[in-house]
Amino acid sequence: MIITLTTVENQKNNTNINGTLIDLKECETSLRNAYNIPENEYLFIKKIDIIQDGMKIPKIEYDVYYKSHEQNGTRLKRLNISEVCSENSIDLSIPIILPENLDKLNMSAEYYNDICNPTTSEKGTDISLNDRRKMFVENNETICQEDCYFSEYDRVNQRATCSCKAKDSAPSFIDMNINITKIYQQFKDIKNIINLNILKCYKKLFFLEGIKNNICFFLIFPFIIFHIIVIIIFYCNQEKKLYKKIKDIKFAIKNWHLVKKEEKKLETQITKSEIKTKKNEDNSKSRTRNFFKTKKHKKIKTTLLKKVTKLI
């Protein structure tokens, strides 16, 4: 490891230094306001670069101090970065030579986060996002430590800039290493349940390059044409019938009060008819009773006459 004691001003945009640089940005202002430190007083940085086997970049740990007025200003007091600068970010500048294509080195690039971004393996097949991310971690392609994101690359000075969450250094030297697992977890979370998200890549399919290499397109295309023909036939045959039904429905909605009026009129006619029918039934029953009553009287009278005649 390399331990450096320097000042905030000395670290700002000082490309003449061969090692790593730290730019506190808004965090410097937050620290000065929180601890009432004037602009003309120095802020000191203790920077530790940990060289890790197999990694392209060092792990950078840092703490910020200022001269305390206690004991005649002979002591440095450590500032609480994690608490004061929780809403701020800092920049880490790392000297490194990178190739022309930065996509495979930038974990924020579309190559690792856009499901519609195609790439081809050595066997000619596409590489899924998960496999790309695993390869990024396993091959140690990262150019920024955990809690940091690659922001830009200066090809003139050959420096990569990483935007990082402001925080204090690890409490133990054992924890001062690049956490590969945490880097893998930093990838954007793409929810792709049963590959539904792949549907948003339809534009890739309908380009000539996407069509000519897609065998399934030529298998499905006849079915698409068949469905289009069926829809046209159905439309031509059923259009007039559907139009008439829709027209009748619209007429009924507009003239609903006339429909209700006709319903009441019909109900009145049915009621009158039922009353008339009932009266006819009652008259018929009355005539029937009278008939049977007269016939019975005649029968009784005849019987009595017969009895009287016999007695005589």
Protein backbone atom coordinates (compact mmCIF):
# COMPACT_ATOMS: atom_id res chain seq x y z
CA MET A 1 0.00 0.00 0.00
CA ILE A 2 0.96 3.63 -0.54
CA ILE A 3 0.07 6.15 2.17
CA THR A 4 -0.01 9.81 1.19
CA LEU A 5 -0.63 12.89 3.33
CA THR A 6 -1.68 15.81 1.18
CA THR A 7 -4.12 18.72 1.01
CA VAL A 8 -7.49 19.08 -0.71
CA GLU A 9 -6.15 21.87 -2.93
CA ASN A 10 -3.17 19.80 -4.01
CA GLN A 11 -5.47 17.01 -5.19
CA LYS A 12 -7.79 19.10 -7.34
CA ASN A 13 -7.15 18.57 -11.07
CA ASN A 14 -3.43 18.09 -10.53
CA THR A 15 -2.64 15.88 -13.51
CA ASN A 16 1.11 16.29 -12.94
CA ILE A 17 0.89 13.76 -10.12
CA ASN A 18 1.44 10.21 -11.35
CA GLY A 19 -0.67 8.59 -8.64
CA THR A 20 -4.37 8.66 -7.84
CA LEU A 21 -6.22 11.89 -7.08
CA ILE A 22 -9.28 12.79 -4.97
CA ASP A 23 -11.64 15.66 -5.68
CA LEU A 24 -14.06 16.21 -2.76
CA LYS A 25 -16.29 18.52 -4.84
CA GLU A 26 -19.43 19.57 -2.87
CA CYS A 27 -18.30 17.46 0.09
CA GLU A 28 -15.58 20.04 0.86
CA THR A 29 -18.20 22.78 1.21
CA SER A 30 -20.38 20.56 3.40
CA LEU A 31 -17.45 19.78 5.70
CA ARG A 32 -16.41 23.43 6.05
CA ASN A 33 -19.99 24.47 6.86
CA ALA A 34 -20.51 21.65 9.35
CA TYR A 35 -17.26 22.32 11.27
CA ASN A 36 -17.08 26.12 10.71
CA ILE A 37 -13.78 25.89 8.87
CA PRO A 38 -12.85 29.10 6.96
CA GLU A 39 -11.92 28.95 3.28
CA ASN A 40 -8.35 30.07 3.99
CA GLU A 41 -7.63 27.08 6.25
CA TYR A 42 -6.26 23.87 4.81
CA LEU A 43 -8.12 20.59 4.74
CA PHE A 44 -5.76 17.61 4.83
CA ILE A 45 -6.27 14.19 3.25
CA LYS A 46 -4.74 10.92 4.31
CA LYS A 47 -4.95 8.74 1.18
CA ILE A 48 -4.17 5.03 1.12
CA ASP A 49 -3.71 3.17 -2.21
CA ILE A 50 -3.95 -0.59 -1.73
CA ILE A 51 -2.45 -2.60 -4.60
CA GLN A 52 -4.49 -5.78 -5.02
CA ASP A 53 -3.31 -8.82 -6.98
CA GLY A 54 -5.20 -9.43 -10.23
CA MET A 55 -6.88 -5.98 -10.23
CA LYS A 56 -6.20 -3.22 -12.77
CA ILE A 57 -6.76 -0.47 -10.22
CA PRO A 58 -5.83 0.12 -6.58
CA LYS A 59 -8.38 0.31 -3.78
CA ILE A 60 -8.43 3.92 -2.55
CA GLU A 61 -9.23 4.72 1.08
CA TYR A 62 -9.14 8.26 2.49
CA ASP A 63 -9.84 10.41 5.52
CA VAL A 64 -10.09 14.22 5.80
CA TYR A 65 -8.57 16.28 8.66
CA TYR A 66 -8.18 19.89 9.71
CA LYS A 67 -5.94 21.63 12.25
CA SER A 68 -7.73 21.80 15.54
CA HIS A 69 -7.36 25.00 17.58
CA GLU A 70 -6.80 22.82 20.63
CA GLN A 71 -3.21 22.62 21.86
CA ASN A 72 -2.19 25.63 19.75
CA GLY A 73 -3.25 23.99 16.49
CA THR A 74 -0.65 21.24 16.64
CA ARG A 75 -3.12 18.35 16.23
CA LEU A 76 -5.19 17.19 13.26
CA LYS A 77 -8.84 16.41 13.87
CA ARG A 78 -10.57 13.79 11.73
CA LEU A 79 -13.85 14.86 10.04
CA ASN A 80 -16.91 12.65 9.75
CA ILE A 81 -17.35 12.32 5.97
CA SER A 82 -20.02 9.60 6.03
CA GLU A 83 -22.34 11.71 8.19
CA VAL A 84 -21.74 15.19 6.76
CA CYS A 85 -21.38 14.21 3.07
CA SER A 86 -24.06 11.51 2.91
CA GLU A 87 -25.78 13.40 0.04
CA ASN A 88 -22.55 14.24 -1.82
CA SER A 89 -20.28 12.38 -4.20
CA ILE A 90 -16.56 12.64 -4.83
CA ASP A 91 -14.36 11.95 -7.86
CA LEU A 92 -11.45 9.53 -7.92
CA SER A 93 -8.95 10.02 -10.74
CA ILE A 94 -6.95 6.89 -11.59
CA PRO A 95 -4.00 6.69 -14.04
CA ILE A 96 -4.73 3.80 -16.41
CA ILE A 97 -4.39 3.02 -20.12
CA LEU A 98 -7.70 1.89 -21.63
CA PRO A 99 -8.58 0.59 -25.12
CA GLU A 100 -10.64 2.52 -27.66
CA ASN A 101 -13.93 0.73 -26.85
CA LEU A 102 -14.89 1.58 -23.27
CA ASP A 103 -18.29 -0.14 -23.23
CA LYS A 104 -16.93 -3.45 -21.93
CA LEU A 105 -15.08 -1.63 -19.15
CA ASN A 106 -17.98 0.56 -18.05
CA MET A 107 -20.51 -1.25 -15.89
CA SER A 108 -23.00 1.61 -16.47
CA ALA A 109 -22.87 1.17 -20.26
CA GLU A 110 -25.75 -0.23 -22.35
CA TYR A 111 -23.61 -3.32 -23.01
CA TYR A 112 -24.32 -4.47 -19.44
CA ASN A 113 -27.75 -2.89 -18.85
CA ASP A 114 -29.72 -2.73 -22.11
CA ILE A 115 -31.46 -6.03 -22.86
CA CYS A 116 -31.79 -5.00 -26.54
CA ASN A 117 -28.03 -4.46 -26.95
CA PRO A 118 -26.76 -7.47 -28.96
CA THR A 119 -23.31 -9.01 -28.80
CA THR A 120 -21.82 -12.18 -30.20
CA SER A 121 -19.71 -14.79 -28.49
CA GLU A 122 -16.83 -16.71 -30.10
CA LYS A 123 -19.34 -19.43 -31.07
CA GLY A 124 -21.59 -16.94 -32.87
CA THR A 125 -24.37 -16.90 -30.24
CA ASP A 126 -25.71 -13.96 -28.28
CA ILE A 127 -24.40 -13.35 -24.76
CA SER A 128 -27.06 -12.68 -22.11
CA LEU A 129 -26.79 -9.73 -19.74
CA ASN A 130 -26.14 -11.99 -16.75
CA ASP A 131 -23.29 -13.74 -18.57
CA ARG A 132 -21.78 -10.39 -19.60
CA ARG A 133 -21.85 -9.22 -15.99
CA LYS A 134 -20.27 -12.43 -14.73
CA MET A 135 -17.50 -12.11 -17.32
CA PHE A 136 -16.96 -8.47 -16.25
CA VAL A 137 -16.39 -9.52 -12.64
CA GLU A 138 -14.51 -12.78 -13.28
CA ASN A 139 -12.11 -11.11 -15.72
CA ASN A 140 -11.51 -8.19 -13.34
CA GLU A 141 -12.58 -5.63 -15.96
CA THR A 142 -13.63 -3.04 -13.39
CA ILE A 143 -11.86 0.32 -13.46
CA CYS A 144 -13.71 1.66 -10.42
CA GLN A 145 -14.01 0.26 -6.91
CA GLU A 146 -17.31 -0.57 -5.19
CA ASP A 147 -19.79 2.28 -4.57
CA CYS A 148 -18.30 4.02 -7.63
CA TYR A 149 -19.32 4.43 -11.25
CA PHE A 150 -17.15 5.16 -14.28
CA SER A 151 -17.91 8.69 -15.51
CA GLU A 152 -15.26 9.65 -18.08
CA TYR A 153 -11.83 8.92 -19.53
CA ASP A 154 -9.18 11.51 -20.38
CA ARG A 155 -7.19 10.01 -23.25
CA VAL A 156 -4.68 12.88 -23.28
CA ASN A 157 -3.60 12.35 -19.66
CA GLN A 158 -4.72 8.69 -19.65
CA ARG A 159 -6.86 9.03 -16.55
CA ALA A 160 -10.19 7.42 -15.68
CA THR A 161 -12.60 9.32 -13.44
CA CYS A 162 -14.91 7.44 -11.08
CA SER A 163 -17.82 9.12 -9.33
CA CYS A 164 -18.09 7.64 -5.83
CA LYS A 165 -20.22 7.79 -2.74
CA ALA A 166 -18.48 9.93 -0.09
CA LYS A 167 -17.55 7.84 2.94
CA ASP A 168 -14.86 7.35 5.59
CA SER A 169 -12.10 4.78 5.21
CA ALA A 170 -12.56 1.23 6.48
CA PRO A 171 -11.82 0.82 10.21
CA SER A 172 -9.45 -2.10 9.61
CA PHE A 173 -6.71 -2.83 7.06
CA ILE A 174 -8.32 -6.25 6.55
CA ASP A 175 -11.38 -4.58 4.98
CA MET A 176 -9.32 -2.41 2.65
CA ASN A 177 -9.81 -4.37 -0.55
CA ILE A 178 -12.05 -4.25 -3.59
CA ASN A 179 -15.26 -6.14 -2.85
CA ILE A 180 -16.01 -8.10 -6.05
CA THR A 181 -19.38 -9.32 -4.77
CA LYS A 182 -20.53 -5.76 -4.06
CA ILE A 183 -19.42 -4.63 -7.53
CA TYR A 184 -21.57 -7.36 -9.12
CA GLN A 185 -24.55 -6.21 -7.03
CA GLN A 186 -24.14 -2.65 -8.32
CA PHE A 187 -25.41 -3.56 -11.79
CA LYS A 188 -28.82 -2.11 -12.58
CA ASP A 189 -31.61 -4.45 -11.52
CA ILE A 190 -33.44 -5.55 -14.69
CA LYS A 191 -36.68 -7.38 -13.86
CA ASN A 192 -37.24 -9.83 -16.67
CA ILE A 193 -39.97 -12.26 -15.56
CA ILE A 194 -40.42 -14.97 -18.25
CA ASN A 195 -38.48 -12.71 -20.66
CA LEU A 196 -41.35 -10.24 -21.12
CA ASN A 197 -38.87 -7.35 -21.26
CA ILE A 198 -37.45 -8.77 -24.49
CA LEU A 199 -40.69 -7.66 -26.22
CA LYS A 200 -39.52 -4.05 -26.16
CA CYS A 201 -36.77 -5.07 -28.62
CA TYR A 202 -39.24 -5.50 -31.49
CA LYS A 203 -37.52 -2.69 -33.42
CA LYS A 204 -34.39 -4.82 -33.67
CA LEU A 205 -36.43 -7.60 -35.29
CA PHE A 206 -37.91 -5.53 -38.12
CA PHE A 207 -34.58 -4.25 -39.37
CA LEU A 208 -33.24 -6.15 -42.38
CA GLU A 209 -30.30 -7.47 -40.38
CA GLY A 210 -32.62 -8.81 -37.70
CA ILE A 211 -35.03 -10.41 -40.19
CA LYS A 212 -32.56 -12.24 -42.41
CA ASN A 213 -30.89 -13.95 -39.42
CA ASN A 214 -34.17 -14.89 -37.73
CA ILE A 215 -35.45 -18.31 -38.89
CA CYS A 216 -38.55 -18.10 -36.68
CA PHE A 217 -39.67 -14.99 -38.56
CA PHE A 218 -39.94 -16.97 -41.83
CA LEU A 219 -41.85 -19.77 -40.04
CA ILE A 220 -44.37 -17.38 -38.49
CA PHE A 221 -44.75 -15.05 -41.49
CA PRO A 222 -47.26 -17.31 -43.41
CA PHE A 223 -49.52 -17.44 -40.34
CA ILE A 224 -49.43 -13.64 -40.09
CA ILE A 225 -50.48 -13.31 -43.76
CA PHE A 226 -53.28 -15.88 -43.25
CA HIS A 227 -54.67 -13.95 -40.26
CA ILE A 228 -54.60 -10.70 -42.20
CA ILE A 229 -56.59 -12.28 -45.08
CA VAL A 230 -59.17 -13.75 -42.66
CA ILE A 231 -59.61 -10.39 -40.97
CA ILE A 232 -60.20 -8.67 -44.34
CA ILE A 233 -62.80 -11.29 -45.37
CA PHE A 234 -64.59 -11.02 -42.06
CA TYR A 235 -64.63 -7.25 -42.29
CA CYS A 236 -66.08 -7.27 -45.81
CA ASN A 237 -68.84 -9.77 -44.97
CA GLN A 238 -69.86 -8.52 -41.59
CA GLU A 239 -69.44 -4.78 -41.98
CA LYS A 240 -73.05 -4.09 -43.20
CA LYS A 241 -74.64 -6.31 -40.53
CA LEU A 242 -72.59 -4.80 -37.77
CA TYR A 243 -73.29 -1.29 -39.07
CA LYS A 244 -77.07 -1.94 -39.05
CA LYS A 245 -77.00 -3.34 -35.52
CA ILE A 246 -74.95 -0.41 -34.27
CA LYS A 247 -77.35 1.99 -36.01
CA ASP A 248 -80.37 0.33 -34.33
CA ILE A 249 -78.70 0.53 -30.94
CA LYS A 250 -77.87 4.22 -31.43
CA PHE A 251 -81.49 4.92 -32.49
CA ALA A 252 -82.84 3.10 -29.42
CA ILE A 253 -80.55 5.08 -27.10
CA LYS A 254 -81.57 8.41 -28.64
CA ASN A 255 -85.32 7.57 -28.62
CA TRP A 256 -85.53 5.73 -25.34
CA HIS A 257 -88.46 7.88 -24.16
CA LEU A 258 -90.51 6.71 -27.17
CA VAL A 259 -89.71 3.10 -26.36
CA LYS A 260 -90.88 3.57 -22.76
CA LYS A 261 -94.07 5.29 -24.04
CA GLU A 262 -94.83 2.35 -26.34
CA GLU A 263 -94.21 -0.06 -23.48
CA LYS A 264 -96.76 1.75 -21.27
CA LYS A 265 -99.30 1.84 -24.11
CA LEU A 266 -98.89 -1.89 -24.68
CA GLU A 267 -99.24 -2.58 -20.95
CA THR A 268 -102.51 -0.56 -20.87
CA GLN A 269 -103.92 -2.52 -23.82
CA ILE A 270 -103.01 -5.83 -22.18
CA THR A 271 -104.65 -4.74 -18.91
CA LYS A 272 -107.91 -3.73 -20.67
CA SER A 273 -107.94 -7.00 -22.58
CA GLU A 274 -107.50 -8.99 -19.37
CA ILE A 275 -110.37 -7.07 -17.67
CA LYS A 276 -112.68 -7.70 -20.63
CA THR A 277 -111.77 -11.38 -20.72
CA LYS A 278 -112.46 -11.67 -17.01
CA LYS A 279 -115.90 -10.06 -17.39
CA ASN A 280 -116.78 -12.44 -20.21
CA GLU A 281 -115.68 -15.36 -18.07
CA ASP A 282 -117.81 -14.14 -15.16
CA ASN A 283 -120.88 -13.71 -17.42
CA SER A 284 -120.38 -17.16 -18.83
CA LYS A 285 -120.17 -18.68 -15.34
CA SER A 286 -123.35 -16.83 -14.31
CA ARG A 287 -125.31 -18.13 -17.32
CA THR A 288 -124.09 -21.61 -16.63
CA ARG A 289 -125.25 -21.48 -13.03
CA ASN A 290 -128.70 -20.16 -14.08
CA PHE A 291 -129.00 -22.88 -16.64
CA PHE A 292 -128.26 -25.63 -14.21
CA LYS A 293 -130.47 -24.01 -11.60
CA THR A 294 -133.49 -23.90 -14.00
CA LYS A 295 -132.93 -27.48 -15.11
CA LYS A 296 -132.75 -28.68 -11.51
CA HIS A 297 -136.01 -26.91 -10.61
CA LYS A 298 -137.75 -28.53 -13.56
CA LYS A 299 -136.48 -31.92 -12.51
CA ILE A 300 -137.69 -31.49 -8.93
CA LYS A 301 -141.05 -30.29 -10.19
CA THR A 302 -141.47 -33.29 -12.46
CA THR A 303 -140.56 -35.68 -9.67
CA LEU A 304 -143.13 -34.17 -7.33
CA LEU A 305 -145.85 -34.37 -9.97
CA LYS A 306 -145.09 -38.02 -10.48
CA LYS A 307 -145.31 -38.71 -6.74
CA VAL A 308 -148.62 -36.81 -6.47
CA THR A 309 -150.09 -38.67 -9.46
CA LYS A 310 -149.14 -42.03 -7.97
CA LEU A 311 -150.79 -41.20 -4.66
CA ILE A 312 -153.98 -40.26 -6.38
